[in-house]
């Protein structure tokens, strides 16, 4: 199994608070998720993309938000 699958699933599990919560989020059984996290099977495309979305949204939320620039007053 490609390393990117495993890393993404592990990170998603950390973000949601564990394997049980991730299985619910991905809409899969905990036993399927366990096989994926052990590298014994590849996740379904749908489940993997859900995990990617979860990680991406979390990482984007961690980025510093740009401060609005003041609008100069007309002369």
Protein backbone atom coordinates (compact mmCIF):
# COMPACT_ATOMS: atom_id res chain seq x y z
CA UNK A 1 0.00 0.00 0.00
CA UNK A 2 1.37 3.46 -0.85
CA UNK A 3 2.70 5.34 2.16
CA UNK A 4 0.46 8.33 1.42
CA UNK A 5 -2.62 6.25 2.26
CA UNK A 6 -1.24 5.20 5.61
CA UNK A 7 0.01 8.67 6.56
CA UNK A 8 -3.27 10.30 5.57
CA UNK A 9 -5.36 7.80 7.54
CA UNK A 10 -3.10 8.13 10.59
CA UNK A 11 -3.29 11.93 10.48
CA UNK A 12 -7.07 11.84 10.02
CA UNK A 13 -7.33 9.52 13.02
CA UNK A 14 -5.35 11.99 15.14
CA UNK A 15 -7.53 14.89 14.02
CA UNK A 16 -10.88 13.26 14.84
CA UNK A 17 -9.75 11.65 18.07
CA UNK A 18 -9.07 8.03 17.26
CA UNK A 19 -9.84 5.09 15.05
CA UNK A 20 -13.48 4.65 16.16
CA UNK A 21 -14.29 8.27 15.35
CA UNK A 22 -12.48 8.04 12.02
CA UNK A 23 -14.35 4.87 11.05
CA UNK A 24 -17.63 6.69 11.71
CA UNK A 25 -16.47 9.73 9.74
CA UNK A 26 -15.38 7.59 6.79
CA UNK A 27 -18.56 5.48 7.02
CA UNK A 28 -16.62 2.21 7.25
CA UNK A 29 -16.39 -0.52 9.83
CA UNK A 30 -13.64 -0.26 12.42
CA UNK A 31 -12.32 -3.63 11.21
CA UNK A 32 -11.85 -2.31 7.66
CA UNK A 33 -10.10 0.77 8.99
CA UNK A 34 -7.83 -1.40 11.13
CA UNK A 35 -6.77 -3.38 8.06
CA UNK A 36 -5.98 -0.17 6.21
CA UNK A 37 -4.00 1.26 9.12
CA UNK A 38 -1.97 -1.95 9.33
CA UNK A 39 -1.22 -1.70 5.61
CA UNK A 40 -2.91 -5.02 4.87
CA UNK A 41 -5.47 -3.58 2.46
CA UNK A 42 -5.86 -0.36 0.50
CA UNK A 43 -8.75 1.90 1.49
CA UNK A 44 -11.58 2.47 -0.93
CA UNK A 45 -11.17 5.56 -3.07
CA UNK A 46 -14.24 7.12 -1.46
CA UNK A 47 -12.96 6.58 2.08
CA UNK A 48 -9.47 7.79 1.21
CA UNK A 49 -10.82 10.98 -0.36
CA UNK A 50 -12.95 11.62 2.74
CA UNK A 51 -9.80 11.29 4.83
CA UNK A 52 -7.93 13.67 2.49
CA UNK A 53 -10.76 16.22 2.82
CA UNK A 54 -10.67 15.93 6.59
CA UNK A 55 -6.92 16.45 6.78
CA UNK A 56 -6.95 19.27 4.21
CA UNK A 57 -9.72 21.18 5.97
CA UNK A 58 -7.97 20.82 9.31
CA UNK A 59 -4.61 21.95 7.95
CA UNK A 60 -6.15 24.94 6.14
CA UNK A 61 -7.89 26.00 9.35
CA UNK A 62 -4.49 26.06 11.08
CA UNK A 63 -3.01 28.59 8.66
CA UNK A 64 -2.78 32.17 9.90
CA UNK A 65 -5.61 34.26 8.58
CA UNK A 66 -4.58 37.40 6.69
CA UNK A 67 -5.52 40.63 8.44
CA UNK A 68 -7.77 42.94 6.42
CA UNK A 69 -5.94 45.94 5.09
CA UNK A 70 -7.41 49.30 6.04
CA UNK A 71 -8.98 51.21 3.19
CA UNK A 72 -7.20 54.53 2.72
CA UNK A 73 -9.40 57.55 3.19
CA UNK A 74 -9.87 59.79 0.16
CA UNK A 75 -8.00 63.11 0.19
